[in-house]
Amino acid sequence: MTETFRAIRDLKWLLVSVCALAVGTLAAHAQNPTPSQTPAAAPAAQRPAQAALPSPSPTPTPINWSEDPMLRRFVFRGIGPASMGGRIDDIAGVDSNPYIYYVGFATGGVWKTTNNGTTFQPIFDTYSRGSIGDIAIAPSNPDIVWVGTGEANNRQSSSFGDGIYKSTDAGKTFARMGLEDSQSIARIVIDPKDPNIVYVAVLGHLFGPNKERGVYKTTDGGKTWNNVKFIDEDTGFTDLVRGFVSTSPDFVGIQWRRARFGNLEDH
């Protein structure tokens, strides 16, 4: 009887050992499964169609890219607000459509909006100067836009211009119309009835004398200019106001400044 119980006990422990071994084998197999065989490639007719990869967009030509072979590999890129900027010198709006106006920056060119400032587009980046002194729109024709380059800010970091520009297609294109040595143009006034008559207050060189300063007038849309007010080579003009009075057909009020001393006087 004792032998029978002993045999049953040994059989029980044997079954326990076998079960433990089986469980351990299953656990090891679950952690390190045997890689399944790679299925055969489906026939070409059964493969799903792959979307065509989009072709890369062409790289736009950099603005003001040099034609010199040695310099063509150097391309200007924006690096953020690394230096002072953001000075707005003038805002000019279309009287008949207040949703259209132009903004001139001392160091950032001319920007135009046609949706009341929701979005702006730069329209002067392809020209030789980005410093703007004044913008004027012809009251009789909003397609005629004048831009005077060179900020008229008397400071040690002022940027210089290279004359006055005119657009006849609402800022799509500009043509330089003279006054190349003015360096700083402060104000442009256009005759309300005749867009060919334009007055320009030229401050001139900020840090030295020059002859191309004073008040200039054109009667042929900028083809020729006449210096109608000149004091001396050290005195520039910073503002012009054109108005009407009952006793005179028109008058021009002038504000001028001596460039090297900063004295402001009315004339």
C-alpha atoms as a PDB file:
ATOM      1  CA  MET A   1       0.000   0.000   0.000  1.00  0.00           C
ATOM      2  CA  THR A   2       2.840   2.325   0.891  1.00  0.00           C
ATOM      3  CA  GLU A   3       4.523   1.567  -2.404  1.00  0.00           C
ATOM      4  CA  THR A   4       1.342   2.445  -4.269  1.00  0.00           C
ATOM      5  CA  PHE A   5       1.043   5.895  -2.641  1.00  0.00           C
ATOM      6  CA  ARG A   6       4.726   6.552  -3.324  1.00  0.00           C
ATOM      7  CA  ALA A   7       4.278   5.764  -7.013  1.00  0.00           C
ATOM      8  CA  ILE A   8       1.242   8.064  -7.255  1.00  0.00           C
ATOM      9  CA  ARG A   9       3.204  10.885  -5.583  1.00  0.00           C
ATOM     10  CA  ASP A  10       6.143  10.491  -7.948  1.00  0.00           C
ATOM     11  CA  LEU A  11       3.795  10.513 -10.923  1.00  0.00           C
ATOM     12  CA  LYS A  12       2.172  13.726  -9.661  1.00  0.00           C
ATOM     13  CA  TRP A  13       5.513  15.540  -9.421  1.00  0.00           C
ATOM     14  CA  LEU A  14       6.465  14.286 -12.834  1.00  0.00           C
ATOM     15  CA  LEU A  15       3.281  15.741 -14.318  1.00  0.00           C
ATOM     16  CA  VAL A  16       3.920  19.062 -12.536  1.00  0.00           C
ATOM     17  CA  SER A  17       7.461  19.214 -13.947  1.00  0.00           C
ATOM     18  CA  VAL A  18       6.244  18.471 -17.482  1.00  0.00           C
ATOM     19  CA  CYS A  19       3.580  21.157 -17.261  1.00  0.00           C
ATOM     20  CA  ALA A  20       6.106  23.718 -15.958  1.00  0.00           C
ATOM     21  CA  LEU A  21       8.489  22.879 -18.809  1.00  0.00           C
ATOM     22  CA  ALA A  22       5.706  23.279 -21.357  1.00  0.00           C
ATOM     23  CA  VAL A  23       4.637  26.661 -19.964  1.00  0.00           C
ATOM     24  CA  GLY A  24       8.259  27.913 -20.007  1.00  0.00           C
ATOM     25  CA  THR A  25       8.687  26.835 -23.616  1.00  0.00           C
ATOM     26  CA  LEU A  26       5.494  28.647 -24.689  1.00  0.00           C
ATOM     27  CA  ALA A  27       6.575  31.842 -22.893  1.00  0.00           C
ATOM     28  CA  ALA A  28       9.989  31.826 -24.544  1.00  0.00           C
ATOM     29  CA  HIS A  29       8.379  31.314 -27.949  1.00  0.00           C
ATOM     30  CA  ALA A  30       6.043  34.272 -27.360  1.00  0.00           C
ATOM     31  CA  GLN A  31       8.972  36.592 -26.537  1.00  0.00           C
ATOM     32  CA  ASN A  32      11.093  35.486 -29.534  1.00  0.00           C
ATOM     33  CA  PRO A  33       8.701  34.432 -32.277  1.00  0.00           C
ATOM     34  CA  THR A  34      10.125  32.679 -35.236  1.00  0.00           C
ATOM     35  CA  PRO A  35      10.091  35.047 -38.242  1.00  0.00           C
ATOM     36  CA  SER A  36       7.521  34.029 -40.727  1.00  0.00           C
ATOM     37  CA  GLN A  37       8.453  33.320 -44.255  1.00  0.00           C
ATOM     38  CA  THR A  38       8.309  36.358 -46.541  1.00  0.00           C
ATOM     39  CA  PRO A  39       5.291  36.033 -48.794  1.00  0.00           C
ATOM     40  CA  ALA A  40       5.898  35.918 -52.501  1.00  0.00           C
ATOM     41  CA  ALA A  41       5.532  39.193 -54.325  1.00  0.00           C
ATOM     42  CA  ALA A  42       2.147  39.707 -55.852  1.00  0.00           C
ATOM     43  CA  PRO A  43       1.913  39.839 -59.608  1.00  0.00           C
ATOM     44  CA  ALA A  44       2.250  43.280 -61.155  1.00  0.00           C
ATOM     45  CA  ALA A  45      -1.414  43.256 -62.135  1.00  0.00           C
ATOM     46  CA  GLN A  46      -2.448  42.725 -58.478  1.00  0.00           C
ATOM     47  CA  ARG A  47      -0.158  45.383 -56.940  1.00  0.00           C
ATOM     48  CA  PRO A  48      -1.858  48.601 -55.767  1.00  0.00           C
ATOM     49  CA  ALA A  49      -1.085  51.617 -57.921  1.00  0.00           C
ATOM     50  CA  GLN A  50       1.415  54.010 -56.299  1.00  0.00           C
ATOM     51  CA  ALA A  51       0.809  57.762 -56.462  1.00  0.00           C
ATOM     52  CA  ALA A  52       3.267  59.606 -58.667  1.00  0.00           C
ATOM     53  CA  LEU A  53       5.805  61.643 -56.710  1.00  0.00           C
ATOM     54  CA  PRO A  54       5.331  65.419 -57.181  1.00  0.00           C
ATOM     55  CA  SER A  55       8.001  67.108 -59.228  1.00  0.00           C
ATOM     56  CA  PRO A  56      10.095  69.634 -57.282  1.00  0.00           C
ATOM     57  CA  SER A  57       9.165  73.279 -57.715  1.00  0.00           C
ATOM     58  CA  PRO A  58      11.674  75.349 -59.656  1.00  0.00           C
ATOM     59  CA  THR A  59      13.886  77.537 -57.512  1.00  0.00           C
ATOM     60  CA  PRO A  60      12.964  81.196 -58.076  1.00  0.00           C
ATOM     61  CA  THR A  61      15.665  83.489 -59.342  1.00  0.00           C
ATOM     62  CA  PRO A  62      17.040  85.546 -56.433  1.00  0.00           C
ATOM     63  CA  ILE A  63      16.190  89.245 -56.462  1.00  0.00           C
ATOM     64  CA  ASN A  64      19.052  91.459 -57.627  1.00  0.00           C
ATOM     65  CA  TRP A  65      21.187  88.418 -58.461  1.00  0.00           C
ATOM     66  CA  SER A  66      24.651  89.468 -59.553  1.00  0.00           C
ATOM     67  CA  GLU A  67      25.679  88.885 -63.164  1.00  0.00           C
ATOM     68  CA  ASP A  68      29.320  88.561 -62.130  1.00  0.00           C
ATOM     69  CA  PRO A  69      30.302  84.841 -62.250  1.00  0.00           C
ATOM     70  CA  MET A  70      32.352  85.240 -59.078  1.00  0.00           C
ATOM     71  CA  LEU A  71      29.453  86.791 -57.154  1.00  0.00           C
ATOM     72  CA  ARG A  72      26.549  84.700 -58.495  1.00  0.00           C
ATOM     73  CA  ARG A  73      27.059  82.026 -55.835  1.00  0.00           C
ATOM     74  CA  PHE A  74      26.418  84.596 -53.110  1.00  0.00           C
ATOM     75  CA  VAL A  75      22.681  85.008 -52.495  1.00  0.00           C
ATOM     76  CA  PHE A  76      21.164  87.304 -49.909  1.00  0.00           C
ATOM     77  CA  ARG A  77      18.751  85.695 -47.460  1.00  0.00           C
ATOM     78  CA  GLY A  78      16.686  87.006 -44.592  1.00  0.00           C
ATOM     79  CA  ILE A  79      18.142  86.265 -41.154  1.00  0.00           C
ATOM     80  CA  GLY A  80      15.529  87.979 -39.009  1.00  0.00           C
ATOM     81  CA  PRO A  81      15.594  91.277 -37.118  1.00  0.00           C
ATOM     82  CA  ALA A  82      19.369  91.437 -36.902  1.00  0.00           C
ATOM     83  CA  SER A  83      19.543  95.229 -37.150  1.00  0.00           C
ATOM     84  CA  MET A  84      17.349  98.233 -36.503  1.00  0.00           C
ATOM     85  CA  GLY A  85      14.462  98.725 -38.903  1.00  0.00           C
ATOM     86  CA  GLY A  86      10.735  99.126 -39.133  1.00  0.00           C
ATOM     87  CA  ARG A  87      10.742 102.893 -39.550  1.00  0.00           C
ATOM     88  CA  ILE A  88       7.684 103.891 -41.607  1.00  0.00           C
ATOM     89  CA  ASP A  89       8.233 107.167 -43.434  1.00  0.00           C
ATOM     90  CA  ASP A  90       4.970 107.537 -45.319  1.00  0.00           C
ATOM     91  CA  ILE A  91       1.526 106.075 -46.020  1.00  0.00           C
ATOM     92  CA  ALA A  92      -0.375 107.109 -49.150  1.00  0.00           C
ATOM     93  CA  GLY A  93      -3.935 106.008 -49.878  1.00  0.00           C
ATOM     94  CA  VAL A  94      -6.189 106.134 -52.918  1.00  0.00           C
ATOM     95  CA  ASP A  95      -8.913 108.702 -52.277  1.00  0.00           C
ATOM     96  CA  SER A  96     -11.508 106.869 -54.367  1.00  0.00           C
ATOM     97  CA  ASN A  97     -10.785 103.481 -52.780  1.00  0.00           C
ATOM     98  CA  PRO A  98      -9.645 103.464 -49.130  1.00  0.00           C
ATOM     99  CA  TYR A  99      -8.898  99.737 -49.356  1.00  0.00           C
ATOM    100  CA  ILE A 100      -5.845 100.522 -51.492  1.00  0.00           C
ATOM    101  CA  TYR A 101      -2.818 102.207 -49.965  1.00  0.00           C
ATOM    102  CA  TYR A 102       0.963 102.155 -50.037  1.00  0.00           C
ATOM    103  CA  VAL A 103       3.434 102.105 -47.145  1.00  0.00           C
ATOM    104  CA  GLY A 104       7.006 103.337 -47.490  1.00  0.00           C
ATOM    105  CA  PHE A 105       9.674 102.094 -45.093  1.00  0.00           C
ATOM    106  CA  ALA A 106      12.944 103.806 -44.285  1.00  0.00           C
ATOM    107  CA  THR A 107      14.806 100.557 -44.917  1.00  0.00           C
ATOM    108  CA  GLY A 108      12.187  98.145 -46.276  1.00  0.00           C
ATOM    109  CA  GLY A 109      10.942  99.441 -49.617  1.00  0.00           C
ATOM    110  CA  VAL A 110       7.318  99.992 -50.631  1.00  0.00           C
ATOM    111  CA  TRP A 111       4.425  97.696 -49.682  1.00  0.00           C
ATOM    112  CA  LYS A 112       0.926  97.768 -51.171  1.00  0.00           C
ATOM    113  CA  THR A 113      -2.412  96.501 -49.909  1.00  0.00           C
ATOM    114  CA  THR A 114      -5.646  96.215 -51.868  1.00  0.00           C
ATOM    115  CA  ASN A 115      -7.739  94.763 -49.029  1.00  0.00           C
ATOM    116  CA  ASN A 116      -7.462  97.415 -46.335  1.00  0.00           C
ATOM    117  CA  GLY A 117      -4.322  96.006 -44.768  1.00  0.00           C
ATOM    118  CA  THR A 118      -5.332  92.346 -44.490  1.00  0.00           C
ATOM    119  CA  THR A 119      -2.356  91.440 -46.669  1.00  0.00           C
ATOM    120  CA  PHE A 120       0.563  93.418 -48.109  1.00  0.00           C
ATOM    121  CA  GLN A 121       2.785  92.818 -51.119  1.00  0.00           C
ATOM    122  CA  PRO A 122       6.282  94.274 -51.631  1.00  0.00           C
ATOM    123  CA  ILE A 123       6.433  96.185 -54.929  1.00  0.00           C
ATOM    124  CA  PHE A 124       9.874  97.831 -54.830  1.00  0.00           C
ATOM    125  CA  ASP A 125      12.249  94.949 -54.096  1.00  0.00           C
ATOM    126  CA  THR A 126      13.701  94.711 -57.600  1.00  0.00           C
ATOM    127  CA  TYR A 127      14.951  98.288 -57.679  1.00  0.00           C
ATOM    128  CA  SER A 128      18.321  99.600 -56.593  1.00  0.00           C
ATOM    129  CA  ARG A 129      17.257 101.216 -53.306  1.00  0.00           C
ATOM    130  CA  GLY A 130      15.055 100.080 -50.448  1.00  0.00           C
ATOM    131  CA  SER A 131      15.093 103.317 -48.472  1.00  0.00           C
ATOM    132  CA  ILE A 132      11.924 105.347 -49.014  1.00  0.00           C
ATOM    133  CA  GLY A 133      11.387 109.003 -48.156  1.00  0.00           C
ATOM    134  CA  ASP A 134       7.915 109.723 -49.524  1.00  0.00           C
ATOM    135  CA  ILE A 135       5.057 108.327 -51.637  1.00  0.00           C
ATOM    136  CA  ALA A 136       2.469 110.341 -53.578  1.00  0.00           C
ATOM    137  CA  ILE A 137      -0.566 109.258 -55.613  1.00  0.00           C
ATOM    138  CA  ALA A 138      -1.966 111.526 -58.322  1.00  0.00           C
ATOM    139  CA  PRO A 139      -5.446 112.678 -57.212  1.00  0.00           C
ATOM    140  CA  SER A 140      -6.652 112.704 -60.819  1.00  0.00           C
ATOM    141  CA  ASN A 141      -5.269 109.249 -61.683  1.00  0.00           C
ATOM    142  CA  PRO A 142      -4.588 106.660 -58.940  1.00  0.00           C
ATOM    143  CA  ASP A 143      -2.499 104.599 -61.354  1.00  0.00           C
ATOM    144  CA  ILE A 144       0.216 107.268 -61.211  1.00  0.00           C
ATOM    145  CA  VAL A 145       2.368 106.704 -58.116  1.00  0.00           C
ATOM    146  CA  TRP A 146       5.558 108.607 -57.284  1.00  0.00           C
ATOM    147  CA  VAL A 147       8.203 107.291 -54.876  1.00  0.00           C
ATOM    148  CA  GLY A 148      11.040 109.398 -53.523  1.00  0.00           C
ATOM    149  CA  THR A 149      13.948 107.295 -52.285  1.00  0.00           C
ATOM    150  CA  GLY A 150      16.192 108.068 -49.332  1.00  0.00           C
ATOM    151  CA  GLU A 151      14.713 108.460 -45.860  1.00  0.00           C
ATOM    152  CA  ALA A 152      14.652 112.072 -44.682  1.00  0.00           C
ATOM    153  CA  ASN A 153      15.532 111.133 -41.106  1.00  0.00           C
ATOM    154  CA  ASN A 154      18.453 113.088 -39.717  1.00  0.00           C
ATOM    155  CA  ARG A 155      20.202 110.262 -37.865  1.00  0.00           C
ATOM    156  CA  GLN A 156      23.581 108.574 -37.965  1.00  0.00           C
ATOM    157  CA  SER A 157      22.181 105.369 -39.484  1.00  0.00           C
ATOM    158  CA  SER A 158      20.038 106.852 -42.263  1.00  0.00           C
ATOM    159  CA  SER A 159      19.901 104.990 -45.573  1.00  0.00           C
ATOM    160  CA  PHE A 160      20.403 106.898 -48.823  1.00  0.00           C
ATOM    161  CA  GLY A 161      18.358 106.899 -52.027  1.00  0.00           C
ATOM    162  CA  ASP A 162      19.153 107.363 -55.688  1.00  0.00           C
ATOM    163  CA  GLY A 163      16.407 109.611 -57.007  1.00  0.00           C
ATOM    164  CA  ILE A 164      12.687 109.713 -57.671  1.00  0.00           C
ATOM    165  CA  TYR A 165      10.635 106.960 -59.310  1.00  0.00           C
ATOM    166  CA  LYS A 166       7.293 106.982 -61.125  1.00  0.00           C
ATOM    167  CA  SER A 167       4.734 104.263 -61.829  1.00  0.00           C
ATOM    168  CA  THR A 168       1.881 104.565 -64.326  1.00  0.00           C
ATOM    169  CA  ASP A 169       0.399 101.135 -63.621  1.00  0.00           C
ATOM    170  CA  ALA A 170      -0.444 101.398 -59.907  1.00  0.00           C
ATOM    171  CA  GLY A 171       2.914 100.149 -58.672  1.00  0.00           C
ATOM    172  CA  LYS A 172       3.434  97.154 -60.953  1.00  0.00           C
ATOM    173  CA  THR A 173       6.522  98.755 -62.488  1.00  0.00           C
ATOM    174  CA  PHE A 174       8.559 101.882 -61.780  1.00  0.00           C
ATOM    175  CA  ALA A 175      10.909 104.049 -63.812  1.00  0.00           C
ATOM    176  CA  ARG A 176      13.506 106.356 -62.331  1.00  0.00           C
ATOM    177  CA  MET A 177      12.753 109.962 -63.293  1.00  0.00           C
ATOM    178  CA  GLY A 178      15.882 111.802 -62.185  1.00  0.00           C
ATOM    179  CA  LEU A 179      17.260 113.584 -59.106  1.00  0.00           C
ATOM    180  CA  GLU A 180      19.812 110.785 -58.724  1.00  0.00           C
ATOM    181  CA  ASP A 181      22.115 112.811 -56.440  1.00  0.00           C
ATOM    182  CA  SER A 182      19.325 113.986 -54.132  1.00  0.00           C
ATOM    183  CA  GLN A 183      20.083 111.180 -51.676  1.00  0.00           C
ATOM    184  CA  SER A 184      17.102 112.093 -49.433  1.00  0.00           C
ATOM    185  CA  ILE A 185      13.646 113.074 -50.722  1.00  0.00           C
ATOM    186  CA  ALA A 186      11.241 114.265 -48.059  1.00  0.00           C
ATOM    187  CA  ARG A 187       7.987 115.175 -49.807  1.00  0.00           C
ATOM    188  CA  ILE A 188       6.213 114.890 -53.178  1.00  0.00           C
ATOM    189  CA  VAL A 189       3.164 116.986 -54.066  1.00  0.00           C
ATOM    190  CA  ILE A 190       1.169 116.369 -57.261  1.00  0.00           C
ATOM    191  CA  ASP A 191      -1.155 118.895 -58.871  1.00  0.00           C
ATOM    192  CA  PRO A 192      -4.742 117.697 -58.241  1.00  0.00           C
ATOM    193  CA  LYS A 193      -5.820 118.411 -61.828  1.00  0.00           C
ATOM    194  CA  ASP A 194      -2.666 117.860 -63.881  1.00  0.00           C
ATOM    195  CA  PRO A 195      -0.582 114.804 -62.886  1.00  0.00           C
ATOM    196  CA  ASN A 196       2.318 116.076 -65.007  1.00  0.00           C
ATOM    197  CA  ILE A 197       2.905 118.940 -62.561  1.00  0.00           C
ATOM    198  CA  VAL A 198       4.838 117.705 -59.543  1.00  0.00           C
ATOM    199  CA  TYR A 199       6.717 119.479 -56.741  1.00  0.00           C
ATOM    200  CA  VAL A 200       9.452 117.713 -54.781  1.00  0.00           C
ATOM    201  CA  ALA A 201      11.074 118.769 -51.503  1.00  0.00           C
ATOM    202  CA  VAL A 202      14.654 117.484 -51.591  1.00  0.00           C
ATOM    203  CA  LEU A 203      16.608 117.361 -48.367  1.00  0.00           C
ATOM    204  CA  GLY A 204      19.826 116.345 -50.115  1.00  0.00           C
ATOM    205  CA  HIS A 205      22.921 114.872 -48.528  1.00  0.00           C
ATOM    206  CA  LEU A 206      22.532 114.532 -44.775  1.00  0.00           C
ATOM    207  CA  PHE A 207      26.211 114.823 -43.890  1.00  0.00           C
ATOM    208  CA  GLY A 208      27.658 117.263 -46.367  1.00  0.00           C
ATOM    209  CA  PRO A 209      26.934 119.900 -48.993  1.00  0.00           C
ATOM    210  CA  ASN A 210      25.552 119.126 -52.435  1.00  0.00           C
ATOM    211  CA  LYS A 211      23.905 121.078 -55.232  1.00  0.00           C
ATOM    212  CA  GLU A 212      20.926 118.818 -55.917  1.00  0.00           C
ATOM    213  CA  ARG A 213      18.709 119.984 -53.081  1.00  0.00           C
ATOM    214  CA  GLY A 214      15.875 122.452 -52.616  1.00  0.00           C
ATOM    215  CA  VAL A 215      12.435 122.449 -54.231  1.00  0.00           C
ATOM    216  CA  TYR A 216      12.129 120.957 -57.701  1.00  0.00           C
ATOM    217  CA  LYS A 217       9.206 121.219 -60.111  1.00  0.00           C
ATOM    218  CA  THR A 218       8.306 119.351 -63.276  1.00  0.00           C
ATOM    219  CA  THR A 219       5.550 120.190 -65.740  1.00  0.00           C
ATOM    220  CA  ASP A 220       6.125 117.257 -68.094  1.00  0.00           C
ATOM    221  CA  GLY A 221       5.723 114.281 -65.789  1.00  0.00           C
ATOM    222  CA  GLY A 222       9.350 114.108 -64.682  1.00  0.00           C
ATOM    223  CA  LYS A 223      11.125 114.342 -68.030  1.00  0.00           C
ATOM    224  CA  THR A 224      12.734 117.617 -66.947  1.00  0.00           C
ATOM    225  CA  TRP A 225      13.101 119.318 -63.577  1.00  0.00           C
ATOM    226  CA  ASN A 226      13.489 122.959 -62.572  1.00  0.00           C
ATOM    227  CA  ASN A 227      14.975 123.939 -59.212  1.00  0.00           C
ATOM    228  CA  VAL A 228      12.447 126.586 -58.223  1.00  0.00           C
ATOM    229  CA  LYS A 229      13.800 127.163 -54.712  1.00  0.00           C
ATOM    230  CA  PHE A 230      17.450 126.884 -53.734  1.00  0.00           C
ATOM    231  CA  ILE A 231      19.095 128.532 -50.720  1.00  0.00           C
ATOM    232  CA  ASP A 232      22.576 127.042 -50.579  1.00  0.00           C
ATOM    233  CA  GLU A 233      24.383 123.715 -50.718  1.00  0.00           C
ATOM    234  CA  ASP A 234      23.921 123.169 -46.981  1.00  0.00           C
ATOM    235  CA  THR A 235      20.143 123.706 -46.841  1.00  0.00           C
ATOM    236  CA  GLY A 236      17.587 121.065 -47.759  1.00  0.00           C
ATOM    237  CA  PHE A 237      13.785 121.037 -47.789  1.00  0.00           C
ATOM    238  CA  THR A 238      11.726 118.633 -45.708  1.00  0.00           C
ATOM    239  CA  ASP A 239       8.079 119.455 -46.456  1.00  0.00           C
ATOM    240  CA  LEU A 240       5.718 120.934 -49.029  1.00  0.00           C
ATOM    241  CA  VAL A 241       2.024 121.824 -48.809  1.00  0.00           C
ATOM    242  CA  ARG A 242       0.009 122.861 -51.836  1.00  0.00           C
ATOM    243  CA  GLY A 243      -3.248 124.722 -51.246  1.00  0.00           C
ATOM    244  CA  PHE A 244      -5.679 127.241 -52.657  1.00  0.00           C
ATOM    245  CA  VAL A 245      -6.720 130.713 -51.434  1.00  0.00           C
ATOM    246  CA  SER A 246      -9.337 133.095 -52.784  1.00  0.00           C
ATOM    247  CA  THR A 247      -6.896 135.851 -53.724  1.00  0.00           C
ATOM    248  CA  SER A 248      -4.370 133.619 -55.498  1.00  0.00           C
ATOM    249  CA  PRO A 249      -4.756 130.632 -57.807  1.00  0.00           C
ATOM    250  CA  ASP A 250      -2.432 128.563 -55.684  1.00  0.00           C
ATOM    251  CA  PHE A 251       0.477 128.716 -53.304  1.00  0.00           C
ATOM    252  CA  VAL A 252       3.158 126.385 -52.069  1.00  0.00           C
ATOM    253  CA  GLY A 253       4.114 126.399 -48.407  1.00  0.00           C
ATOM    254  CA  ILE A 254       7.678 125.266 -47.764  1.00  0.00           C
ATOM    255  CA  GLN A 255       9.454 123.929 -44.743  1.00  0.00           C
ATOM    256  CA  TRP A 256      13.210 123.688 -44.941  1.00  0.00           C
ATOM    257  CA  ARG A 257      16.154 122.619 -42.851  1.00  0.00           C
ATOM    258  CA  ARG A 258      19.885 123.132 -42.853  1.00  0.00           C
ATOM    259  CA  ALA A 259      21.316 119.682 -43.228  1.00  0.00           C
ATOM    260  CA  ARG A 260      24.413 120.020 -41.063  1.00  0.00           C
ATOM    261  CA  PHE A 261      22.927 122.022 -38.197  1.00  0.00           C
ATOM    262  CA  GLY A 262      19.335 120.792 -38.026  1.00  0.00           C
ATOM    263  CA  ASN A 263      17.747 124.253 -37.773  1.00  0.00           C
ATOM    264  CA  LEU A 264      14.124 124.248 -38.908  1.00  0.00           C
ATOM    265  CA  GLU A 265      12.609 127.372 -40.380  1.00  0.00           C
ATOM    266  CA  ASP A 266       9.450 128.274 -42.299  1.00  0.00           C
ATOM    267  CA  HIS A 267       9.431 130.137 -45.555  1.00  0.00           C
END
